[in-house]
């Protein structure tokens, strides 16, 4: 942990100190020490005919969550490998996920879903918004020689913390499965 000073008091003496946990860059090979590797599998379904914006890993609790299934205006997010609510609870408690590979499969819907970019955003309190940190295009992982046209391996690394989320458009009447190979870092974010 790195102490951060803010609000200097009289005579330059600090009024308060705050302990800050640094977010470890996931693309850094040195950060891989101490990671617990596992797979996180999520199923996302848009039951409407309209395209819907999806916010994954929103640990702020802005959406309805029942029995580990989150509902966002016609879109459900279900944890397959583990309860999605426990994933959000882990993020809220300070766990950092380093995603090294995301295998996306379209179960129902159009393969043009691969062209919908994923935005990795950092939530910025008090500004009513977020900063776009990274844009990932799943379609760049498509290979003309692959046997299964409804799957793609996205090898762009990214990190998820309690202050970061992934958002993208899920097309109407589409179901996808995201299989994410993650490293878990404790007490970060």
C-alpha atoms as a PDB file:
ATOM      1  CA  UNK A   1       0.000   0.000   0.000  1.00  0.00           C
ATOM      2  CA  UNK A   2       1.132   3.486  -0.780  1.00  0.00           C
ATOM      3  CA  UNK A   3       0.164   6.350   1.547  1.00  0.00           C
ATOM      4  CA  UNK A   4      -1.226   9.373  -0.242  1.00  0.00           C
ATOM      5  CA  UNK A   5      -1.322  12.757   1.429  1.00  0.00           C
ATOM      6  CA  UNK A   6      -4.020  15.312   0.798  1.00  0.00           C
ATOM      7  CA  UNK A   7      -5.296  18.549   2.307  1.00  0.00           C
ATOM      8  CA  UNK A   8      -2.242  20.138   3.873  1.00  0.00           C
ATOM      9  CA  UNK A   9      -2.950  21.673   7.255  1.00  0.00           C
ATOM     10  CA  UNK A  10      -1.218  24.493   9.086  1.00  0.00           C
ATOM     11  CA  UNK A  11       2.524  24.835   8.680  1.00  0.00           C
ATOM     12  CA  UNK A  12       2.491  22.262   5.875  1.00  0.00           C
ATOM     13  CA  UNK A  13       1.514  19.434   8.220  1.00  0.00           C
ATOM     14  CA  UNK A  14      -0.832  16.869   6.682  1.00  0.00           C
ATOM     15  CA  UNK A  15      -4.370  16.925   7.996  1.00  0.00           C
ATOM     16  CA  UNK A  16      -5.171  13.375   6.999  1.00  0.00           C
ATOM     17  CA  UNK A  17      -3.658  10.410   5.260  1.00  0.00           C
ATOM     18  CA  UNK A  18      -5.414   7.915   3.101  1.00  0.00           C
ATOM     19  CA  UNK A  19      -4.225   4.434   2.257  1.00  0.00           C
ATOM     20  CA  UNK A  20      -4.543   3.743  -1.474  1.00  0.00           C
ATOM     21  CA  UNK A  21      -4.261   0.343  -3.113  1.00  0.00           C
ATOM     22  CA  UNK A  22      -2.617   0.579  -6.482  1.00  0.00           C
ATOM     23  CA  UNK A  23      -4.266  -1.039  -9.519  1.00  0.00           C
ATOM     24  CA  UNK A  24      -1.730  -3.457 -10.954  1.00  0.00           C
ATOM     25  CA  UNK A  25      -1.456  -3.329 -14.765  1.00  0.00           C
ATOM     26  CA  UNK A  26      -2.607  -6.693 -16.091  1.00  0.00           C
ATOM     27  CA  UNK A  27      -0.558  -6.483 -19.277  1.00  0.00           C
ATOM     28  CA  UNK A  28       2.621  -6.408 -17.179  1.00  0.00           C
ATOM     29  CA  UNK A  29       4.230  -9.898 -16.991  1.00  0.00           C
ATOM     30  CA  UNK A  30       5.696  -9.023 -13.589  1.00  0.00           C
ATOM     31  CA  UNK A  31       2.149  -8.614 -12.276  1.00  0.00           C
ATOM     32  CA  UNK A  32       1.417 -12.274 -12.963  1.00  0.00           C
ATOM     33  CA  UNK A  33       3.219 -13.375  -9.810  1.00  0.00           C
ATOM     34  CA  UNK A  34       0.751 -14.245  -7.107  1.00  0.00           C
ATOM     35  CA  UNK A  35      -2.216 -14.514  -9.478  1.00  0.00           C
ATOM     36  CA  UNK A  36      -4.749 -17.267  -8.964  1.00  0.00           C
ATOM     37  CA  UNK A  37      -5.819 -18.375 -12.467  1.00  0.00           C
ATOM     38  CA  UNK A  38      -9.400 -19.510 -13.079  1.00  0.00           C
ATOM     39  CA  UNK A  39     -12.216 -19.315 -15.628  1.00  0.00           C
ATOM     40  CA  UNK A  40     -15.197 -17.027 -15.230  1.00  0.00           C
ATOM     41  CA  UNK A  41     -18.105 -17.955 -17.519  1.00  0.00           C
ATOM     42  CA  UNK A  42     -21.037 -15.581 -18.030  1.00  0.00           C
ATOM     43  CA  UNK A  43     -24.158 -15.974 -20.156  1.00  0.00           C
ATOM     44  CA  UNK A  44     -25.817 -12.789 -21.438  1.00  0.00           C
ATOM     45  CA  UNK A  45     -29.261 -12.773 -23.061  1.00  0.00           C
ATOM     46  CA  UNK A  46     -31.142  -9.899 -24.660  1.00  0.00           C
ATOM     47  CA  UNK A  47     -34.794 -10.972 -24.780  1.00  0.00           C
ATOM     48  CA  UNK A  48     -35.968  -7.823 -26.572  1.00  0.00           C
ATOM     49  CA  UNK A  49     -35.854  -6.965 -30.277  1.00  0.00           C
ATOM     50  CA  UNK A  50     -33.934  -3.746 -29.507  1.00  0.00           C
ATOM     51  CA  UNK A  51     -30.190  -3.343 -29.097  1.00  0.00           C
ATOM     52  CA  UNK A  52     -29.366  -2.825 -25.414  1.00  0.00           C
ATOM     53  CA  UNK A  53     -26.376  -1.336 -23.633  1.00  0.00           C
ATOM     54  CA  UNK A  54     -24.867  -3.844 -21.169  1.00  0.00           C
ATOM     55  CA  UNK A  55     -22.698  -2.896 -18.193  1.00  0.00           C
ATOM     56  CA  UNK A  56     -20.672  -5.880 -16.976  1.00  0.00           C
ATOM     57  CA  UNK A  57     -18.962  -5.907 -13.584  1.00  0.00           C
ATOM     58  CA  UNK A  58     -20.903  -2.940 -12.214  1.00  0.00           C
ATOM     59  CA  UNK A  59     -20.193  -3.532  -8.524  1.00  0.00           C
ATOM     60  CA  UNK A  60     -22.029  -0.338  -7.547  1.00  0.00           C
ATOM     61  CA  UNK A  61     -25.362  -2.167  -7.408  1.00  0.00           C
ATOM     62  CA  UNK A  62     -27.213  -0.039  -9.945  1.00  0.00           C
ATOM     63  CA  UNK A  63     -29.111  -3.007 -11.380  1.00  0.00           C
ATOM     64  CA  UNK A  64     -31.557  -5.534  -9.991  1.00  0.00           C
ATOM     65  CA  UNK A  65     -29.856  -8.745  -8.853  1.00  0.00           C
ATOM     66  CA  UNK A  66     -31.832 -11.862  -7.929  1.00  0.00           C
ATOM     67  CA  UNK A  67     -30.431 -15.354  -7.389  1.00  0.00           C
ATOM     68  CA  UNK A  68     -27.129 -14.470  -9.027  1.00  0.00           C
ATOM     69  CA  UNK A  69     -28.824 -13.228 -12.210  1.00  0.00           C
ATOM     70  CA  UNK A  70     -28.678  -9.549 -13.029  1.00  0.00           C
ATOM     71  CA  UNK A  71     -31.346  -7.844 -15.109  1.00  0.00           C
ATOM     72  CA  UNK A  72     -30.693  -4.673 -17.086  1.00  0.00           C
ATOM     73  CA  UNK A  73     -33.781  -3.539 -19.007  1.00  0.00           C
ATOM     74  CA  UNK A  74     -34.434  -6.796 -20.892  1.00  0.00           C
ATOM     75  CA  UNK A  75     -30.899  -8.177 -20.610  1.00  0.00           C
ATOM     76  CA  UNK A  76     -29.985 -10.931 -18.160  1.00  0.00           C
ATOM     77  CA  UNK A  77     -26.451 -11.733 -17.025  1.00  0.00           C
ATOM     78  CA  UNK A  78     -26.020 -15.144 -15.441  1.00  0.00           C
ATOM     79  CA  UNK A  79     -22.902 -16.591 -13.864  1.00  0.00           C
ATOM     80  CA  UNK A  80     -22.275 -20.124 -15.144  1.00  0.00           C
ATOM     81  CA  UNK A  81     -18.964 -20.971 -13.460  1.00  0.00           C
ATOM     82  CA  UNK A  82     -19.899 -19.116 -10.276  1.00  0.00           C
ATOM     83  CA  UNK A  83     -22.683 -16.944  -8.950  1.00  0.00           C
ATOM     84  CA  UNK A  84     -22.535 -13.512 -10.607  1.00  0.00           C
ATOM     85  CA  UNK A  85     -23.549 -11.823  -7.353  1.00  0.00           C
ATOM     86  CA  UNK A  86     -20.469 -13.276  -5.630  1.00  0.00           C
ATOM     87  CA  UNK A  87     -18.295 -11.933  -8.491  1.00  0.00           C
ATOM     88  CA  UNK A  88     -19.728  -8.442  -7.916  1.00  0.00           C
ATOM     89  CA  UNK A  89     -19.273  -8.814  -4.146  1.00  0.00           C
ATOM     90  CA  UNK A  90     -15.615  -9.757  -4.676  1.00  0.00           C
ATOM     91  CA  UNK A  91     -15.107  -6.697  -6.860  1.00  0.00           C
ATOM     92  CA  UNK A  92     -16.847  -4.456  -4.318  1.00  0.00           C
ATOM     93  CA  UNK A  93     -14.540  -5.755  -1.575  1.00  0.00           C
ATOM     94  CA  UNK A  94     -11.397  -4.781  -3.489  1.00  0.00           C
ATOM     95  CA  UNK A  95     -10.516  -7.803  -5.625  1.00  0.00           C
ATOM     96  CA  UNK A  96      -8.954  -7.091  -9.029  1.00  0.00           C
ATOM     97  CA  UNK A  97      -9.496  -9.388 -12.023  1.00  0.00           C
ATOM     98  CA  UNK A  98      -6.856  -9.510 -14.726  1.00  0.00           C
ATOM     99  CA  UNK A  99      -8.435 -10.946 -17.879  1.00  0.00           C
ATOM    100  CA  UNK A 100      -5.887 -12.420 -20.288  1.00  0.00           C
ATOM    101  CA  UNK A 101      -8.243 -14.214 -22.700  1.00  0.00           C
ATOM    102  CA  UNK A 102     -11.957 -13.846 -23.422  1.00  0.00           C
ATOM    103  CA  UNK A 103     -13.611 -16.512 -25.550  1.00  0.00           C
ATOM    104  CA  UNK A 104     -16.883 -15.147 -26.906  1.00  0.00           C
ATOM    105  CA  UNK A 105     -19.512 -17.489 -28.336  1.00  0.00           C
ATOM    106  CA  UNK A 106     -22.780 -16.438 -29.970  1.00  0.00           C
ATOM    107  CA  UNK A 107     -25.463 -18.963 -28.985  1.00  0.00           C
ATOM    108  CA  UNK A 108     -28.401 -17.154 -30.604  1.00  0.00           C
ATOM    109  CA  UNK A 109     -28.323 -14.099 -32.828  1.00  0.00           C
ATOM    110  CA  UNK A 110     -26.271 -12.643 -35.612  1.00  0.00           C
ATOM    111  CA  UNK A 111     -22.474 -12.886 -35.967  1.00  0.00           C
ATOM    112  CA  UNK A 112     -22.410  -9.103 -36.449  1.00  0.00           C
ATOM    113  CA  UNK A 113     -22.396  -9.061 -32.618  1.00  0.00           C
ATOM    114  CA  UNK A 114     -18.609  -9.537 -32.969  1.00  0.00           C
ATOM    115  CA  UNK A 115     -18.430  -6.005 -34.429  1.00  0.00           C
ATOM    116  CA  UNK A 116     -19.803  -4.403 -31.244  1.00  0.00           C
ATOM    117  CA  UNK A 117     -16.790  -2.893 -29.398  1.00  0.00           C
ATOM    118  CA  UNK A 118     -16.253  -3.412 -25.672  1.00  0.00           C
ATOM    119  CA  UNK A 119     -15.447  -0.292 -23.705  1.00  0.00           C
ATOM    120  CA  UNK A 120     -13.391  -0.702 -20.536  1.00  0.00           C
ATOM    121  CA  UNK A 121     -14.279   2.318 -18.427  1.00  0.00           C
ATOM    122  CA  UNK A 122     -13.045   3.745 -15.167  1.00  0.00           C
ATOM    123  CA  UNK A 123     -15.855   5.148 -13.023  1.00  0.00           C
ATOM    124  CA  UNK A 124     -15.112   8.671 -11.862  1.00  0.00           C
ATOM    125  CA  UNK A 125     -17.203   9.702  -8.850  1.00  0.00           C
ATOM    126  CA  UNK A 126     -18.592  13.231  -8.633  1.00  0.00           C
ATOM    127  CA  UNK A 127     -18.311  13.779 -12.406  1.00  0.00           C
ATOM    128  CA  UNK A 128     -21.431  11.828 -13.421  1.00  0.00           C
ATOM    129  CA  UNK A 129     -19.441   9.871 -15.930  1.00  0.00           C
ATOM    130  CA  UNK A 130     -16.582   7.594 -16.663  1.00  0.00           C
ATOM    131  CA  UNK A 131     -13.279   7.610 -18.509  1.00  0.00           C
ATOM    132  CA  UNK A 132     -12.807   5.282 -21.440  1.00  0.00           C
ATOM    133  CA  UNK A 133      -9.567   3.409 -20.778  1.00  0.00           C
ATOM    134  CA  UNK A 134      -9.587   0.856 -23.574  1.00  0.00           C
ATOM    135  CA  UNK A 135     -11.683  -0.210 -26.562  1.00  0.00           C
ATOM    136  CA  UNK A 136     -11.613  -3.862 -27.593  1.00  0.00           C
ATOM    137  CA  UNK A 137     -12.977  -5.116 -30.913  1.00  0.00           C
ATOM    138  CA  UNK A 138     -13.875  -8.829 -30.688  1.00  0.00           C
ATOM    139  CA  UNK A 139     -13.990  -9.127 -34.501  1.00  0.00           C
ATOM    140  CA  UNK A 140     -10.197  -8.657 -34.683  1.00  0.00           C
ATOM    141  CA  UNK A 141      -9.847 -12.166 -33.211  1.00  0.00           C
ATOM    142  CA  UNK A 142     -11.740 -13.785 -36.089  1.00  0.00           C
ATOM    143  CA  UNK A 143      -9.639 -16.120 -38.221  1.00  0.00           C
ATOM    144  CA  UNK A 144     -10.794 -17.002 -41.767  1.00  0.00           C
ATOM    145  CA  UNK A 145      -9.567 -20.571 -41.231  1.00  0.00           C
ATOM    146  CA  UNK A 146     -11.388 -21.268 -37.974  1.00  0.00           C
ATOM    147  CA  UNK A 147     -13.910 -24.088 -37.948  1.00  0.00           C
ATOM    148  CA  UNK A 148     -16.528 -22.517 -35.664  1.00  0.00           C
ATOM    149  CA  UNK A 149     -17.790 -19.213 -37.076  1.00  0.00           C
ATOM    150  CA  UNK A 150     -19.776 -18.349 -33.923  1.00  0.00           C
ATOM    151  CA  UNK A 151     -16.695 -18.178 -31.623  1.00  0.00           C
ATOM    152  CA  UNK A 152     -13.798 -15.812 -31.268  1.00  0.00           C
ATOM    153  CA  UNK A 153     -10.807 -15.620 -28.928  1.00  0.00           C
ATOM    154  CA  UNK A 154     -10.119 -12.066 -27.771  1.00  0.00           C
ATOM    155  CA  UNK A 155      -6.539 -11.894 -26.511  1.00  0.00           C
ATOM    156  CA  UNK A 156      -6.493  -8.223 -25.476  1.00  0.00           C
ATOM    157  CA  UNK A 157      -5.729  -8.077 -21.723  1.00  0.00           C
ATOM    158  CA  UNK A 158      -7.744  -5.821 -19.428  1.00  0.00           C
ATOM    159  CA  UNK A 159      -8.384  -5.400 -15.733  1.00  0.00           C
ATOM    160  CA  UNK A 160     -11.638  -5.156 -13.822  1.00  0.00           C
ATOM    161  CA  UNK A 161     -11.907  -3.562 -10.375  1.00  0.00           C
ATOM    162  CA  UNK A 162     -14.712  -2.096  -8.300  1.00  0.00           C
ATOM    163  CA  UNK A 163     -14.196   1.162 -10.197  1.00  0.00           C
ATOM    164  CA  UNK A 164     -14.005  -0.346 -13.692  1.00  0.00           C
ATOM    165  CA  UNK A 165     -16.606  -1.929 -15.860  1.00  0.00           C
ATOM    166  CA  UNK A 166     -17.038  -3.243 -19.383  1.00  0.00           C
ATOM    167  CA  UNK A 167     -19.890  -1.943 -21.482  1.00  0.00           C
ATOM    168  CA  UNK A 168     -21.076  -2.803 -24.969  1.00  0.00           C
ATOM    169  CA  UNK A 169     -24.196  -3.176 -27.105  1.00  0.00           C
ATOM    170  CA  UNK A 170     -25.928  -6.571 -27.019  1.00  0.00           C
ATOM    171  CA  UNK A 171     -28.006  -6.863 -30.164  1.00  0.00           C
ATOM    172  CA  UNK A 172     -31.702  -7.752 -30.040  1.00  0.00           C
ATOM    173  CA  UNK A 173     -32.695 -11.400 -29.452  1.00  0.00           C
ATOM    174  CA  UNK A 174     -29.057 -12.387 -28.919  1.00  0.00           C
ATOM    175  CA  UNK A 175     -27.464 -14.740 -26.409  1.00  0.00           C
ATOM    176  CA  UNK A 176     -23.713 -14.850 -25.904  1.00  0.00           C
ATOM    177  CA  UNK A 177     -21.386 -16.711 -23.562  1.00  0.00           C
ATOM    178  CA  UNK A 178     -18.175 -15.068 -22.379  1.00  0.00           C
ATOM    179  CA  UNK A 179     -15.483 -17.421 -21.062  1.00  0.00           C
ATOM    180  CA  UNK A 180     -12.842 -15.284 -19.376  1.00  0.00           C
ATOM    181  CA  UNK A 181      -9.510 -16.602 -18.199  1.00  0.00           C
ATOM    182  CA  UNK A 182      -8.818 -14.443 -15.189  1.00  0.00           C
ATOM    183  CA  UNK A 183      -6.125 -13.953 -12.653  1.00  0.00           C
ATOM    184  CA  UNK A 184      -7.401 -12.811  -9.281  1.00  0.00           C
ATOM    185  CA  UNK A 185      -5.440 -10.229  -7.309  1.00  0.00           C
ATOM    186  CA  UNK A 186      -6.641  -9.569  -3.787  1.00  0.00           C
ATOM    187  CA  UNK A 187      -7.104  -6.166  -2.173  1.00  0.00           C
ATOM    188  CA  UNK A 188      -6.537  -4.001  -5.209  1.00  0.00           C
ATOM    189  CA  UNK A 189      -8.627  -1.397  -6.981  1.00  0.00           C
END
